[in-house]
Amino acid sequence: MHFHSFFRDLHASYFRHGFSLKRALDELLGDIAVLCFDEFHVHDIGDARLLARTLDELFARGVTLVATSNYPPAGLLPNPLFHEAFAPTIALLESRMHVLAVDGPLDYRVNGISSTRFPTGTWSTADASFGWSFTELCVEPRSTGDYLAMIDGIESLTVRGIPALKDADDNAVQRFCNLIDVLYDADVPTHFHAMVPLASFTAGCSGLDMARISSRLCELPAEGQRDTHC
């Protein structure tokens, strides 16, 4: 399961069952023996608290947990305001799981080896008068659950008015990263209309999320190689 999708479903089930985590997990997982998470990232303190309880319950049930992440356990919830509160959960992950670094020198996306529908989208510096604006999607408070609901059943998406990331605040940057994760995982062709070329879009920003997002966006064709209209 993609981690964003799991947490969307967990929050809904948790509320539906009167905030009983055990009943919510019973509904979502049944009696599974192995649970695999793709893109195991933690940036929100509310999710972190629920995740801590969820992990305790999973390990108590004897579920084998497998997860992929761009972060080692010690790098989860990197916000210094909340990281210390997540330290016990990090210790649990490190004690109950084998941590394997599988990063290598080859970026399969940069080399055009991956195969998804996302690269059939476009990146353009042309204005657009249609679609969702960066402000609507990333400056306004949005969760990954909002993005998952937004793309349900759509064939493509247009995002306009995208600034250079160095000109956006940290929360908007994180939301944009979450949006790209959701769109990429859901294989949604997306047409980006930005104020800067893709080559300079992430200039001045750093971090593991930037490396991942840059890798995904680099699959889009260079401007002018393909029609930029939906």
Protein backbone atom coordinates (compact mmCIF):
# COMPACT_ATOMS: atom_id res chain seq x y z
CA MET A 1 0.00 0.00 0.00
CA HIS A 2 1.17 3.53 -0.72
CA PHE A 3 1.68 5.18 2.66
CA HIS A 4 -0.45 8.24 1.78
CA SER A 5 -3.37 6.01 0.76
CA PHE A 6 -3.07 3.91 3.89
CA PHE A 7 -3.22 6.93 6.16
CA ARG A 8 -6.19 8.36 4.27
CA ASP A 9 -8.07 5.10 4.82
CA LEU A 10 -6.87 4.75 8.41
CA HIS A 11 -8.09 8.21 9.41
CA ALA A 12 -11.50 7.51 7.86
CA SER A 13 -11.85 4.11 9.50
CA TYR A 14 -10.56 5.42 12.84
CA PHE A 15 -13.29 8.08 12.85
CA ARG A 16 -15.95 5.64 11.63
CA HIS A 17 -15.20 3.24 14.49
CA GLY A 18 -15.40 5.86 17.22
CA PHE A 19 -11.61 6.35 17.44
CA SER A 20 -10.95 2.67 18.13
CA LEU A 21 -7.62 1.95 16.45
CA LYS A 22 -7.98 -1.80 16.93
CA ARG A 23 -11.33 -1.89 15.12
CA ALA A 24 -10.03 0.40 12.39
CA LEU A 25 -7.07 -1.89 11.73
CA ASP A 26 -9.32 -4.95 11.85
CA GLU A 27 -11.39 -3.39 9.06
CA LEU A 28 -8.42 -2.31 6.95
CA LEU A 29 -6.06 -5.23 7.39
CA GLY A 30 -8.01 -8.22 8.64
CA ASP A 31 -5.64 -11.04 9.57
CA ILE A 32 -2.81 -10.23 7.15
CA ALA A 33 0.65 -11.55 7.94
CA VAL A 34 2.72 -9.11 5.86
CA LEU A 35 2.15 -5.39 5.27
CA CYS A 36 4.24 -3.50 2.69
CA PHE A 37 4.39 0.30 2.66
CA ASP A 38 5.70 2.26 -0.29
CA GLU A 39 7.01 5.79 0.40
CA PHE A 40 7.09 5.62 4.19
CA HIS A 41 7.38 9.32 5.05
CA VAL A 42 6.33 11.20 8.18
CA HIS A 43 6.06 14.99 8.16
CA ASP A 44 2.93 15.68 10.21
CA ILE A 45 2.95 15.42 14.02
CA GLY A 46 -0.69 14.30 14.07
CA ASP A 47 0.08 11.44 11.68
CA ALA A 48 3.21 10.67 13.70
CA ARG A 49 1.20 10.15 16.90
CA LEU A 50 -1.29 7.87 15.16
CA LEU A 51 1.54 6.04 13.42
CA ALA A 52 3.26 5.36 16.74
CA ARG A 53 0.13 3.64 18.07
CA THR A 54 -0.40 1.82 14.77
CA LEU A 55 3.11 0.37 14.81
CA ASP A 56 2.66 -0.83 18.38
CA GLU A 57 -0.54 -2.59 17.33
CA LEU A 58 0.99 -4.11 14.18
CA PHE A 59 3.97 -5.51 16.05
CA ALA A 60 1.70 -6.82 18.81
CA ARG A 61 -0.28 -8.69 16.14
CA GLY A 62 2.89 -10.24 14.76
CA VAL A 63 2.56 -8.53 11.39
CA THR A 64 5.75 -8.50 9.33
CA LEU A 65 6.30 -4.93 8.15
CA VAL A 66 8.23 -4.05 4.99
CA ALA A 67 8.68 -0.41 3.99
CA THR A 68 10.49 1.66 1.40
CA SER A 69 11.49 5.22 2.19
CA ASN A 70 13.81 7.98 1.14
CA TYR A 71 14.53 8.48 4.85
CA PRO A 72 16.32 6.25 7.33
CA PRO A 73 14.28 5.87 10.54
CA ALA A 74 16.37 8.57 12.25
CA GLY A 75 15.43 11.01 9.48
CA LEU A 76 11.65 10.63 9.83
CA LEU A 77 9.66 13.67 10.99
CA PRO A 78 12.67 15.94 10.37
CA ASN A 79 10.95 19.09 11.68
CA PRO A 80 13.09 20.00 14.75
CA LEU A 81 9.96 21.18 16.58
CA PHE A 82 8.53 17.65 16.62
CA HIS A 83 11.40 15.27 15.93
CA GLU A 84 12.24 14.60 19.60
CA ALA A 85 8.65 13.59 20.30
CA PHE A 86 8.96 10.93 17.59
CA ALA A 87 12.25 9.55 18.96
CA PRO A 88 10.61 6.58 20.80
CA THR A 89 8.96 5.46 17.56
CA ILE A 90 12.26 5.78 15.70
CA ALA A 91 13.87 3.60 18.36
CA LEU A 92 11.07 1.05 17.93
CA LEU A 93 11.59 0.92 14.16
CA GLU A 94 15.34 0.50 14.56
CA SER A 95 14.93 -2.26 17.15
CA ARG A 96 12.18 -4.23 15.39
CA MET A 97 13.20 -3.84 11.74
CA HIS A 98 16.31 -4.47 9.65
CA VAL A 99 17.34 -1.19 8.01
CA LEU A 100 18.88 -1.73 4.58
CA ALA A 101 20.29 1.04 2.39
CA VAL A 102 19.56 0.15 -1.23
CA ASP A 103 20.45 3.49 -2.79
CA GLY A 104 22.70 3.11 -5.80
CA PRO A 105 24.41 5.30 -8.39
CA LEU A 106 21.75 4.88 -11.10
CA ASP A 107 18.60 7.04 -11.11
CA TYR A 108 16.26 4.97 -13.26
CA ARG A 109 13.93 7.92 -13.88
CA VAL A 110 16.72 10.18 -15.15
CA ASN A 111 17.82 7.41 -17.48
CA GLY A 112 14.30 6.99 -18.85
CA ILE A 113 13.95 3.43 -17.62
CA SER A 114 10.80 3.76 -15.51
CA SER A 115 7.42 3.21 -17.17
CA THR A 116 4.44 5.25 -15.95
CA ARG A 117 1.82 7.58 -17.45
CA PHE A 118 3.07 10.52 -15.40
CA PRO A 119 5.76 11.46 -17.99
CA THR A 120 3.04 11.93 -20.62
CA GLY A 121 2.31 15.22 -18.87
CA THR A 122 4.16 18.46 -19.60
CA TRP A 123 6.06 21.32 -17.97
CA SER A 124 5.51 24.74 -19.53
CA THR A 125 6.25 28.37 -18.72
CA ALA A 126 3.18 29.42 -20.71
CA ASP A 127 0.28 30.91 -18.77
CA ALA A 128 -2.88 28.89 -18.27
CA SER A 129 -6.36 30.15 -17.42
CA PHE A 130 -7.72 26.73 -16.46
CA GLY A 131 -6.91 24.02 -13.94
CA TRP A 132 -5.97 24.24 -10.26
CA SER A 133 -3.62 26.98 -9.11
CA PHE A 134 -0.54 26.39 -6.97
CA THR A 135 -2.12 28.64 -4.34
CA GLU A 136 -5.29 26.54 -4.22
CA LEU A 137 -3.40 23.27 -3.99
CA CYS A 138 -0.33 24.06 -1.92
CA VAL A 139 -0.59 27.43 -0.17
CA GLU A 140 -4.05 26.72 1.20
CA PRO A 141 -4.04 23.99 3.88
CA ARG A 142 -4.42 20.65 2.08
CA SER A 143 -3.75 17.09 3.19
CA THR A 144 -2.69 14.14 1.08
CA GLY A 145 -6.24 12.88 1.61
CA ASP A 146 -7.49 16.00 -0.20
CA TYR A 147 -5.20 15.23 -3.14
CA LEU A 148 -6.29 11.59 -3.27
CA ALA A 149 -9.94 12.65 -3.34
CA MET A 150 -9.25 15.27 -6.01
CA ILE A 151 -7.69 12.82 -8.48
CA ASP A 152 -10.23 10.06 -8.00
CA GLY A 153 -11.43 9.09 -11.47
CA ILE A 154 -9.71 11.89 -13.40
CA GLU A 155 -7.80 11.33 -16.65
CA SER A 156 -5.35 14.23 -16.29
CA LEU A 157 -4.69 17.33 -14.20
CA THR A 158 -3.49 20.87 -14.87
CA VAL A 159 -1.64 22.90 -12.23
CA ARG A 160 -0.94 26.57 -13.00
CA GLY A 161 0.84 29.51 -11.43
CA ILE A 162 3.69 27.44 -9.99
CA PRO A 163 6.51 29.63 -8.60
CA ALA A 164 10.14 28.72 -8.11
CA LEU A 165 10.12 26.63 -4.94
CA LYS A 166 12.60 28.95 -3.21
CA ASP A 167 9.88 31.62 -3.38
CA ALA A 168 7.29 29.44 -1.60
CA ASP A 169 7.10 28.87 2.14
CA ASP A 170 8.14 25.55 3.65
CA ASN A 171 4.58 24.30 4.15
CA ALA A 172 3.66 24.99 0.52
CA VAL A 173 6.83 23.24 -0.65
CA GLN A 174 6.00 20.16 1.44
CA ARG A 175 2.44 20.10 0.11
CA PHE A 176 3.75 20.30 -3.46
CA CYS A 177 6.05 17.35 -2.75
CA ASN A 178 3.08 15.40 -1.35
CA LEU A 179 1.03 16.31 -4.41
CA ILE A 180 3.73 15.00 -6.77
CA ASP A 181 3.95 11.78 -4.74
CA VAL A 182 0.20 11.24 -5.07
CA LEU A 183 0.06 12.09 -8.78
CA TYR A 184 3.05 9.90 -9.59
CA ASP A 185 1.79 6.92 -7.63
CA ALA A 186 -1.67 7.25 -9.21
CA ASP A 187 -0.18 7.52 -12.73
CA VAL A 188 -1.99 10.79 -13.47
CA PRO A 189 -0.64 12.70 -16.50
CA THR A 190 -0.18 16.24 -15.19
CA HIS A 191 0.38 19.48 -17.06
CA PHE A 192 2.39 21.99 -15.03
CA HIS A 193 2.35 25.69 -15.93
CA ALA A 194 5.16 27.37 -14.01
CA MET A 195 6.87 30.73 -13.71
CA VAL A 196 10.32 29.18 -14.24
CA PRO A 197 11.77 26.43 -16.45
CA LEU A 198 11.95 22.98 -14.93
CA ALA A 199 15.77 23.11 -14.90
CA SER A 200 15.73 25.92 -12.33
CA PHE A 201 12.54 25.00 -10.47
CA THR A 202 14.16 23.51 -7.35
CA ALA A 203 17.26 25.73 -7.34
CA GLY A 204 17.99 26.97 -3.84
CA CYS A 205 16.10 24.12 -2.16
CA SER A 206 17.66 21.01 -0.70
CA GLY A 207 16.72 17.84 1.10
CA LEU A 208 15.68 14.28 0.34
CA ASP A 209 12.23 15.30 -0.84
CA MET A 210 13.78 17.68 -3.37
CA ALA A 211 15.93 14.90 -4.81
CA ARG A 212 12.91 12.62 -5.16
CA ILE A 213 10.65 15.29 -6.67
CA SER A 214 13.35 16.48 -9.09
CA SER A 215 13.88 12.89 -10.19
CA ARG A 216 10.17 12.45 -10.91
CA LEU A 217 9.73 15.77 -12.67
CA CYS A 218 12.77 15.17 -14.87
CA GLU A 219 10.74 12.49 -16.67
CA LEU A 220 8.58 15.22 -18.19
CA PRO A 221 9.60 16.25 -21.72
CA ALA A 222 11.56 19.46 -22.15
CA GLU A 223 9.39 22.43 -23.06
CA GLY A 224 8.65 22.49 -26.75
CA GLN A 225 9.06 18.75 -27.25
CA ARG A 226 5.35 18.11 -26.85
CA ASP A 227 2.08 20.03 -27.03
CA THR A 228 1.61 21.67 -23.62
CA HIS A 229 -2.20 21.76 -23.64
CA CYS A 230 -4.45 19.21 -21.93
